[in-house]
């Protein structure tokens, strides 16, 4: 069973997307992080610095990294894949 809250799984998911395809950061329904969470059965909430509930649910750190991948420009799936691969190695 794959761990949907792993950057490795985000990398695999992004590899299925058109690298030239674009996404919007807002609204959340079109955000890369929101799309990923929705497609993998996770509740998407924009992370905050002090996200105690998210950390208790085990999503805090993962969602923060996913959000960093999504917010950076350019907003293409190919560029997001590159950012995710860097995050995966760190």
N, C-alpha and C. Protein backbone atom coordinates (compact mmCIF):
# COMPACT_ATOMS: atom_id res chain seq x y z
N UNK A 1 0.83 -1.18 0.00
CA UNK A 1 0.00 0.00 0.00
C UNK A 1 0.88 1.25 0.00
N UNK A 2 0.58 2.17 -0.90
CA UNK A 2 1.41 3.37 -0.99
C UNK A 2 1.04 4.39 0.07
N UNK A 3 2.01 5.16 0.48
CA UNK A 3 1.81 6.21 1.46
C UNK A 3 1.46 7.49 0.70
N UNK A 4 0.19 7.86 0.69
CA UNK A 4 -0.23 9.04 -0.07
C UNK A 4 0.31 10.33 0.53
N UNK A 5 0.72 10.30 1.80
CA UNK A 5 1.31 11.47 2.42
C UNK A 5 2.83 11.39 2.38
N UNK A 6 3.35 11.12 1.18
CA UNK A 6 4.80 11.12 0.99
C UNK A 6 5.13 11.91 -0.26
N UNK A 7 6.24 12.59 -0.23
CA UNK A 7 6.67 13.35 -1.39
C UNK A 7 6.98 12.42 -2.55
N UNK A 8 7.42 11.21 -2.26
CA UNK A 8 7.67 10.23 -3.33
C UNK A 8 6.38 9.94 -4.11
N UNK A 9 5.27 9.89 -3.42
CA UNK A 9 3.99 9.66 -4.09
C UNK A 9 3.58 10.90 -4.89
N UNK A 10 3.90 12.08 -4.39
CA UNK A 10 3.62 13.31 -5.13
C UNK A 10 4.43 13.31 -6.43
N UNK A 11 5.69 12.90 -6.35
CA UNK A 11 6.53 12.81 -7.54
C UNK A 11 5.90 11.86 -8.56
N UNK A 12 5.48 10.69 -8.10
CA UNK A 12 4.86 9.72 -9.01
C UNK A 12 3.59 10.29 -9.64
N UNK A 13 2.78 10.99 -8.86
CA UNK A 13 1.55 11.60 -9.36
C UNK A 13 1.86 12.68 -10.40
N UNK A 14 2.85 13.52 -10.11
CA UNK A 14 3.20 14.59 -11.04
C UNK A 14 3.73 14.03 -12.36
N UNK A 15 4.37 12.87 -12.31
CA UNK A 15 4.87 12.24 -13.55
C UNK A 15 3.73 11.82 -14.48
N UNK A 16 2.51 11.73 -13.96
CA UNK A 16 1.36 11.37 -14.79
C UNK A 16 0.73 12.59 -15.45
N UNK A 17 1.17 13.78 -15.07
CA UNK A 17 0.60 15.03 -15.58
C UNK A 17 1.40 15.53 -16.78
N UNK A 18 0.73 16.29 -17.63
CA UNK A 18 1.39 16.94 -18.77
C UNK A 18 2.35 17.99 -18.21
N UNK A 19 3.66 17.87 -18.47
CA UNK A 19 4.63 18.81 -17.90
C UNK A 19 4.35 20.26 -18.28
N UNK A 20 3.75 20.47 -19.43
CA UNK A 20 3.44 21.84 -19.87
C UNK A 20 2.10 22.32 -19.33
N UNK A 21 1.34 21.42 -18.72
CA UNK A 21 0.04 21.80 -18.16
C UNK A 21 0.21 22.77 -17.01
N UNK A 22 -0.75 23.65 -16.86
CA UNK A 22 -0.65 24.66 -15.81
C UNK A 22 -1.73 24.44 -14.75
N UNK A 23 -1.49 25.01 -13.60
CA UNK A 23 -2.46 25.02 -12.51
C UNK A 23 -2.45 26.40 -11.91
N UNK A 24 -3.48 26.71 -11.15
CA UNK A 24 -3.56 27.99 -10.44
C UNK A 24 -3.31 27.72 -8.97
N UNK A 25 -2.75 28.70 -8.29
CA UNK A 25 -2.54 28.54 -6.85
C UNK A 25 -3.83 28.80 -6.09
N UNK A 26 -4.61 29.73 -6.59
CA UNK A 26 -5.92 30.03 -6.01
C UNK A 26 -6.95 29.98 -7.11
N UNK A 27 -8.13 29.49 -6.89
CA UNK A 27 -8.68 28.95 -5.66
C UNK A 27 -8.14 27.56 -5.36
N UNK A 28 -8.38 27.11 -4.17
CA UNK A 28 -7.85 25.81 -3.72
C UNK A 28 -8.27 24.67 -4.63
N UNK A 29 -9.44 24.78 -5.26
CA UNK A 29 -9.91 23.71 -6.14
C UNK A 29 -9.02 23.54 -7.36
N UNK A 30 -8.28 24.57 -7.72
CA UNK A 30 -7.39 24.49 -8.88
C UNK A 30 -5.91 24.45 -8.48
N UNK A 31 -5.66 24.50 -7.19
CA UNK A 31 -4.29 24.47 -6.68
C UNK A 31 -3.73 23.06 -6.79
N UNK A 32 -2.47 22.95 -7.10
CA UNK A 32 -1.82 21.65 -7.21
C UNK A 32 -1.98 20.85 -5.91
N UNK A 33 -1.75 21.50 -4.78
CA UNK A 33 -1.87 20.80 -3.49
C UNK A 33 -3.30 20.34 -3.25
N UNK A 34 -4.26 21.19 -3.57
CA UNK A 34 -5.66 20.83 -3.41
C UNK A 34 -6.06 19.68 -4.32
N UNK A 35 -5.58 19.72 -5.57
CA UNK A 35 -5.87 18.63 -6.51
C UNK A 35 -5.30 17.31 -6.01
N UNK A 36 -4.04 17.35 -5.57
CA UNK A 36 -3.40 16.12 -5.10
C UNK A 36 -4.19 15.53 -3.93
N UNK A 37 -4.49 16.39 -2.95
CA UNK A 37 -5.20 15.89 -1.76
C UNK A 37 -6.56 15.32 -2.13
N UNK A 38 -7.30 16.03 -2.96
CA UNK A 38 -8.63 15.56 -3.35
C UNK A 38 -8.54 14.22 -4.07
N UNK A 39 -7.59 14.07 -5.00
CA UNK A 39 -7.45 12.82 -5.76
C UNK A 39 -6.97 11.66 -4.90
N UNK A 40 -6.41 11.96 -3.73
CA UNK A 40 -5.89 10.90 -2.86
C UNK A 40 -6.66 10.77 -1.55
N UNK A 41 -7.86 11.36 -1.51
CA UNK A 41 -8.72 11.19 -0.35
C UNK A 41 -8.29 11.91 0.91
N UNK A 42 -7.47 12.95 0.75
CA UNK A 42 -7.02 13.73 1.89
C UNK A 42 -7.81 15.03 1.96
N UNK A 43 -8.01 15.53 3.16
CA UNK A 43 -8.65 16.82 3.32
C UNK A 43 -7.57 17.87 3.16
N UNK A 44 -7.81 18.82 2.25
CA UNK A 44 -6.82 19.87 2.01
C UNK A 44 -7.18 21.11 2.81
N UNK A 45 -6.22 21.55 3.60
CA UNK A 45 -6.31 22.82 4.33
C UNK A 45 -5.02 23.55 4.10
N UNK A 46 -5.10 24.82 3.78
CA UNK A 46 -3.88 25.60 3.62
C UNK A 46 -3.16 25.60 4.96
N UNK A 47 -1.90 25.17 4.98
CA UNK A 47 -1.20 25.07 6.27
C UNK A 47 -0.88 26.44 6.86
N UNK A 48 -0.85 26.46 8.16
CA UNK A 48 -0.42 27.66 8.87
C UNK A 48 0.81 27.28 9.68
N UNK A 49 1.54 28.27 10.12
CA UNK A 49 2.78 28.00 10.84
C UNK A 49 2.54 27.15 12.08
N UNK A 50 1.49 27.44 12.81
CA UNK A 50 1.20 26.70 14.05
C UNK A 50 -0.04 25.83 13.82
N UNK A 51 0.11 24.78 13.07
CA UNK A 51 -1.01 23.91 12.69
C UNK A 51 -1.05 22.69 13.59
N UNK A 52 -1.49 22.88 14.82
CA UNK A 52 -1.49 21.77 15.79
C UNK A 52 -2.42 20.65 15.37
N UNK A 53 -3.59 20.99 14.83
CA UNK A 53 -4.52 19.95 14.42
C UNK A 53 -3.95 19.15 13.26
N UNK A 54 -3.35 19.82 12.30
CA UNK A 54 -2.75 19.12 11.17
C UNK A 54 -1.60 18.23 11.62
N UNK A 55 -0.80 18.73 12.57
CA UNK A 55 0.31 17.93 13.07
C UNK A 55 -0.21 16.71 13.82
N UNK A 56 -1.28 16.88 14.58
CA UNK A 56 -1.87 15.75 15.30
C UNK A 56 -2.37 14.70 14.31
N UNK A 57 -2.89 15.16 13.18
CA UNK A 57 -3.41 14.24 12.17
C UNK A 57 -2.29 13.64 11.34
N UNK A 58 -1.05 14.09 11.56
CA UNK A 58 0.08 13.55 10.82
C UNK A 58 0.26 14.18 9.45
N UNK A 59 -0.51 15.21 9.15
CA UNK A 59 -0.44 15.82 7.84
C UNK A 59 0.40 17.09 7.81
N UNK A 60 0.70 17.65 8.97
CA UNK A 60 1.34 18.96 9.05
C UNK A 60 2.55 19.14 8.17
N UNK A 61 3.59 18.39 8.39
CA UNK A 61 4.85 18.54 7.64
C UNK A 61 4.63 18.23 6.17
N UNK A 62 3.93 17.16 5.86
CA UNK A 62 3.70 16.78 4.46
C UNK A 62 2.98 17.90 3.71
N UNK A 63 1.91 18.43 4.30
CA UNK A 63 1.13 19.47 3.62
C UNK A 63 1.95 20.74 3.47
N UNK A 64 2.79 21.05 4.44
CA UNK A 64 3.65 22.24 4.32
C UNK A 64 4.61 22.10 3.15
N UNK A 65 5.21 20.95 2.97
CA UNK A 65 6.13 20.74 1.84
C UNK A 65 5.35 20.75 0.54
N UNK A 66 4.20 20.10 0.51
CA UNK A 66 3.37 20.10 -0.70
C UNK A 66 2.97 21.52 -1.06
N UNK A 67 2.63 22.30 -0.08
CA UNK A 67 2.25 23.70 -0.31
C UNK A 67 3.43 24.50 -0.89
N UNK A 68 4.63 24.27 -0.39
CA UNK A 68 5.81 24.96 -0.91
C UNK A 68 6.05 24.60 -2.37
N UNK A 69 5.81 23.36 -2.72
CA UNK A 69 5.95 22.92 -4.12
C UNK A 69 4.91 23.63 -4.98
N UNK A 70 3.69 23.75 -4.48
CA UNK A 70 2.59 24.31 -5.26
C UNK A 70 2.68 25.83 -5.43
N UNK A 71 3.13 26.54 -4.41
CA UNK A 71 3.09 28.00 -4.44
C UNK A 71 4.18 28.60 -5.34
N UNK A 72 5.30 27.93 -5.50
CA UNK A 72 6.42 28.47 -6.28
C UNK A 72 6.06 28.57 -7.76
N UNK A 73 6.67 29.53 -8.41
CA UNK A 73 6.48 29.72 -9.86
C UNK A 73 7.61 29.05 -10.61
N UNK A 74 7.41 28.65 -11.83
CA UNK A 74 6.18 28.75 -12.60
C UNK A 74 5.18 27.67 -12.17
N UNK A 75 3.92 27.93 -12.44
CA UNK A 75 2.85 27.02 -12.07
C UNK A 75 2.56 26.03 -13.21
N UNK A 76 3.56 25.24 -13.52
CA UNK A 76 3.38 24.13 -14.48
C UNK A 76 3.66 22.84 -13.74
N UNK A 77 3.05 21.76 -14.22
CA UNK A 77 3.28 20.47 -13.56
C UNK A 77 4.73 20.02 -13.71
N UNK A 78 5.37 20.36 -14.83
CA UNK A 78 6.77 20.00 -15.02
C UNK A 78 7.67 20.69 -14.01
N UNK A 79 7.45 21.99 -13.80
CA UNK A 79 8.25 22.74 -12.83
C UNK A 79 7.96 22.22 -11.41
N UNK A 80 6.70 21.91 -11.13
CA UNK A 80 6.35 21.37 -9.82
C UNK A 80 7.03 20.01 -9.60
N UNK A 81 7.11 19.22 -10.66
CA UNK A 81 7.80 17.92 -10.56
C UNK A 81 9.26 18.13 -10.19
N UNK A 82 9.90 19.08 -10.82
CA UNK A 82 11.31 19.37 -10.49
C UNK A 82 11.44 19.77 -9.02
N UNK A 83 10.55 20.63 -8.55
CA UNK A 83 10.60 21.06 -7.15
C UNK A 83 10.33 19.89 -6.20
N UNK A 84 9.39 19.02 -6.58
CA UNK A 84 9.08 17.86 -5.74
C UNK A 84 10.26 16.90 -5.67
N UNK A 85 10.96 16.74 -6.78
CA UNK A 85 12.12 15.85 -6.79
C UNK A 85 13.23 16.39 -5.90
N UNK A 86 13.40 17.70 -5.87
CA UNK A 86 14.38 18.32 -4.96
C UNK A 86 13.95 18.08 -3.51
N UNK A 87 12.67 18.29 -3.23
CA UNK A 87 12.15 18.09 -1.86
C UNK A 87 12.29 16.64 -1.43
N UNK A 88 12.09 15.74 -2.38
CA UNK A 88 12.19 14.31 -2.07
C UNK A 88 13.61 13.93 -1.64
N UNK A 89 14.60 14.59 -2.22
CA UNK A 89 16.01 14.28 -1.90
C UNK A 89 16.46 14.92 -0.60
N UNK A 90 15.71 15.92 -0.12
CA UNK A 90 16.18 16.61 1.11
C UNK A 90 15.54 16.08 2.36
